[in-house]
Amino acid sequence: MKNLIIQLIGDLVTSIWCMWSNYRFRNTERFSKELQDDDKVSTYKDIQELIIRLYSCFIWTADDITQLGDAITPPPQNYKTYLTKPLKDDCDGFHSLVYHCLYNSGIECYLLTANEIGGGHCVLTFNLNDLWYVIDYNKIYGGFHDLKSTVYDYNKHYTQVYKCKEPIYNGFVKYNYDSGKFVRVDLIWGVYDI
């Protein structure tokens, strides 16, 4: 029962985060699928090289008061910003940029939240050659045949890297280039052994 309540609350918060982000960035670039040839990827090695290149043009910057603490910039807008360098944003903004490159290279991907009591992080999960991975800035974790194992494995790394408690909720967000909006999606349930 506890897992179900956490899942429902997490889903609600993630849905509100998506709605707020859509509203907050309604007047930015939301529909472009532009992707320069240098940023197109098709192999694991391509993705490794891409995230290192993107990260070198990224300056972590906390969301300001106009974002009421946290909002995700649309992938097309962050790609547009990246092209003029640097991209000043937080974790969800950086991974929104990576989302743009992978999605427009034909790779299935989602933003992934890792939420613990009192904090959280946004990364990206993707599927390449029937294996699931997680990108956390310039590192790639995983390589599992199922998404649940990949997320479970990432949560262990998250705990070690960020010196925090294990996440109690993981949420998935995709971006719809036709509507220009983020939406929460249900991909897996019950990752946790709480």
Protein backbone atom coordinates (compact mmCIF):
# COMPACT_ATOMS: atom_id res chain seq x y z
CA MET A 1 0.00 0.00 0.00
CA LYS A 2 2.84 2.38 0.87
CA ASN A 3 4.39 1.85 -2.59
CA LEU A 4 1.08 2.61 -4.29
CA ILE A 5 0.62 5.86 -2.37
CA ILE A 6 4.18 6.98 -3.16
CA GLN A 7 3.65 6.10 -6.82
CA LEU A 8 0.36 8.03 -7.02
CA ILE A 9 1.80 11.11 -5.30
CA GLY A 10 4.93 10.96 -7.47
CA ASP A 11 2.82 10.63 -10.62
CA LEU A 12 0.71 13.62 -9.58
CA VAL A 13 3.77 15.79 -8.85
CA THR A 14 5.41 14.77 -12.14
CA SER A 15 2.22 15.59 -14.06
CA ILE A 16 2.02 19.02 -12.41
CA TRP A 17 5.73 19.60 -13.20
CA CYS A 18 5.00 18.84 -16.88
CA MET A 19 1.96 21.14 -16.97
CA TRP A 20 3.87 23.94 -15.25
CA SER A 21 6.83 23.54 -17.63
CA ASN A 22 4.51 23.62 -20.65
CA TYR A 23 2.89 26.81 -19.41
CA ARG A 24 6.10 28.50 -18.29
CA PHE A 25 7.84 27.94 -21.63
CA ARG A 26 4.80 28.38 -23.90
CA ASN A 27 6.46 31.30 -25.74
CA THR A 28 9.76 29.59 -26.51
CA GLU A 29 10.85 27.34 -29.39
CA ARG A 30 8.76 24.17 -28.99
CA PHE A 31 8.30 22.50 -32.37
CA SER A 32 11.60 22.48 -34.26
CA LYS A 33 13.18 19.10 -34.97
CA GLU A 34 16.33 20.75 -36.33
CA LEU A 35 19.42 18.67 -35.66
CA GLN A 36 22.81 19.32 -37.19
CA ASP A 37 24.61 16.33 -38.69
CA ASP A 38 27.33 16.49 -36.01
CA ASP A 39 24.68 15.92 -33.34
CA LYS A 40 23.02 12.89 -34.97
CA VAL A 41 23.83 9.60 -33.28
CA SER A 42 23.29 5.93 -34.04
CA THR A 43 25.79 3.98 -31.92
CA TYR A 44 26.76 3.78 -28.27
CA LYS A 45 30.10 5.41 -29.10
CA ASP A 46 28.30 8.23 -30.94
CA ILE A 47 26.18 8.86 -27.84
CA GLN A 48 29.22 8.85 -25.54
CA GLU A 49 30.95 11.42 -27.74
CA LEU A 50 27.78 13.51 -28.02
CA ILE A 51 27.17 13.83 -24.28
CA ILE A 52 30.80 14.78 -23.65
CA ARG A 53 30.54 17.48 -26.34
CA LEU A 54 27.19 18.75 -25.02
CA TYR A 55 28.46 18.76 -21.44
CA SER A 56 31.48 20.86 -22.42
CA CYS A 57 29.05 23.63 -23.51
CA PHE A 58 26.88 23.39 -20.38
CA ILE A 59 27.00 25.58 -17.27
CA TRP A 60 24.88 24.27 -14.41
CA THR A 61 22.58 27.08 -13.32
CA ALA A 62 19.74 26.80 -10.83
CA ASP A 63 16.28 27.68 -12.10
CA ASP A 64 15.39 31.24 -11.13
CA ILE A 65 12.30 32.63 -9.47
CA THR A 66 10.47 32.89 -12.81
CA GLN A 67 10.43 29.10 -12.88
CA LEU A 68 9.03 28.84 -9.34
CA GLY A 69 11.84 26.51 -8.34
CA ASP A 70 11.80 24.10 -11.26
CA ALA A 71 10.60 23.86 -14.83
CA ILE A 72 11.87 21.90 -17.85
CA THR A 73 12.88 23.91 -20.89
CA PRO A 74 11.55 22.29 -24.11
CA PRO A 75 14.15 20.25 -26.03
CA PRO A 76 13.90 22.42 -29.19
CA GLN A 77 14.57 25.59 -27.16
CA ASN A 78 17.55 24.10 -25.37
CA TYR A 79 18.97 22.85 -28.65
CA LYS A 80 18.57 26.36 -30.09
CA THR A 81 20.36 27.78 -27.03
CA TYR A 82 23.09 25.14 -27.25
CA LEU A 83 23.84 26.15 -30.85
CA THR A 84 24.74 29.66 -29.65
CA LYS A 85 26.53 28.28 -26.55
CA PRO A 86 26.69 28.02 -23.63
CA LEU A 87 23.58 26.33 -22.26
CA LYS A 88 22.92 27.62 -18.74
CA ASP A 89 20.34 25.36 -17.11
CA ASP A 90 19.97 22.66 -14.48
CA CYS A 91 19.80 18.85 -14.71
CA ASP A 92 16.44 18.68 -16.47
CA GLY A 93 17.55 21.31 -18.96
CA PHE A 94 20.75 19.50 -19.85
CA HIS A 95 18.96 16.20 -20.30
CA SER A 96 16.24 17.94 -22.31
CA LEU A 97 19.03 18.94 -24.72
CA VAL A 98 20.26 15.32 -24.87
CA TYR A 99 16.64 14.21 -25.42
CA HIS A 100 16.42 16.47 -28.49
CA CYS A 101 19.52 14.92 -30.05
CA LEU A 102 18.59 11.30 -29.34
CA TYR A 103 14.90 11.61 -30.22
CA ASN A 104 15.66 13.33 -33.50
CA SER A 105 18.22 10.63 -34.27
CA GLY A 106 15.42 8.06 -34.04
CA ILE A 107 16.32 6.72 -30.58
CA GLU A 108 13.57 6.02 -28.04
CA CYS A 109 14.22 8.10 -24.94
CA TYR A 110 12.54 9.63 -21.88
CA LEU A 111 13.45 12.04 -19.15
CA LEU A 112 13.74 10.08 -15.90
CA THR A 113 13.31 11.51 -12.43
CA ALA A 114 15.01 10.10 -9.35
CA ASN A 115 13.21 11.52 -6.33
CA GLU A 116 14.18 11.04 -2.72
CA ILE A 117 12.79 12.68 0.40
CA GLY A 118 13.94 16.30 0.21
CA GLY A 119 15.53 16.21 -3.23
CA GLY A 120 15.59 14.90 -6.73
CA HIS A 121 17.40 14.70 -10.01
CA CYS A 122 16.45 14.45 -13.67
CA VAL A 123 18.40 12.30 -16.13
CA LEU A 124 17.60 10.57 -19.41
CA THR A 125 16.91 6.93 -20.23
CA PHE A 126 17.16 5.54 -23.75
CA ASN A 127 16.89 2.29 -25.66
CA LEU A 128 19.57 1.31 -28.16
CA ASN A 129 19.76 -2.11 -29.81
CA ASP A 130 17.20 -3.51 -27.32
CA LEU A 131 19.22 -2.40 -24.30
CA TRP A 132 18.20 0.33 -21.85
CA TYR A 133 20.65 2.89 -20.51
CA VAL A 134 20.62 6.01 -18.32
CA ILE A 135 22.56 9.17 -19.10
CA ASP A 136 23.51 11.29 -16.11
CA TYR A 137 25.33 14.30 -17.55
CA ASN A 138 28.47 12.84 -19.18
CA LYS A 139 28.16 9.27 -17.89
CA ILE A 140 26.13 6.34 -19.17
CA TYR A 141 24.85 3.60 -16.87
CA GLY A 142 23.02 0.38 -17.55
CA GLY A 143 22.80 -1.80 -20.59
CA PHE A 144 19.94 -4.02 -19.44
CA HIS A 145 17.25 -5.73 -21.52
CA ASP A 146 14.46 -4.31 -19.40
CA LEU A 147 13.79 -0.79 -18.20
CA LYS A 148 13.00 -1.83 -14.63
CA SER A 149 16.46 -3.35 -14.12
CA THR A 150 18.07 -0.30 -15.69
CA VAL A 151 16.27 2.11 -13.36
CA TYR A 152 16.94 -0.07 -10.33
CA ASP A 153 20.65 -0.15 -11.22
CA TYR A 154 20.75 3.61 -11.82
CA ASN A 155 19.15 4.29 -8.44
CA LYS A 156 22.09 2.50 -6.79
CA HIS A 157 24.58 4.65 -8.73
CA TYR A 158 22.59 7.79 -7.92
CA THR A 159 22.85 7.03 -4.21
CA GLN A 160 26.63 6.58 -4.42
CA VAL A 161 27.41 9.50 -6.75
CA TYR A 162 25.24 12.06 -4.99
CA LYS A 163 25.74 10.72 -1.44
CA CYS A 164 22.04 10.54 -0.73
CA LYS A 165 19.30 8.10 0.11
CA GLU A 166 17.93 5.81 -2.55
CA PRO A 167 15.08 7.29 -4.61
CA ILE A 168 11.56 6.48 -3.50
CA TYR A 169 10.05 7.44 -6.86
CA ASN A 170 11.06 7.41 -10.51
CA GLY A 171 8.94 9.23 -13.07
CA PHE A 172 9.08 9.24 -16.86
CA VAL A 173 8.48 12.22 -19.10
CA LYS A 174 8.36 12.42 -22.87
CA TYR A 175 8.16 15.41 -25.17
CA ASN A 176 5.60 15.64 -27.95
CA TYR A 177 6.99 17.66 -30.87
CA ASP A 178 3.54 17.95 -32.48
CA SER A 179 1.88 19.58 -29.46
CA GLY A 180 5.10 21.16 -28.14
CA LYS A 181 4.43 19.77 -24.67
CA PHE A 182 5.89 17.50 -22.02
CA VAL A 183 3.74 14.67 -20.71
CA ARG A 184 4.23 12.13 -17.93
CA VAL A 185 4.14 8.54 -19.12
CA ASP A 186 3.67 5.25 -17.27
CA LEU A 187 6.45 2.85 -18.17
CA ILE A 188 7.11 0.73 -15.06
CA TRP A 189 5.62 0.27 -11.62
CA GLY A 190 7.04 -1.02 -8.36
CA VAL A 191 10.79 -0.55 -8.80
CA TYR A 192 11.28 -0.18 -5.07
CA ASP A 193 11.53 -2.55 -2.17
CA ILE A 194 10.40 -0.12 0.54
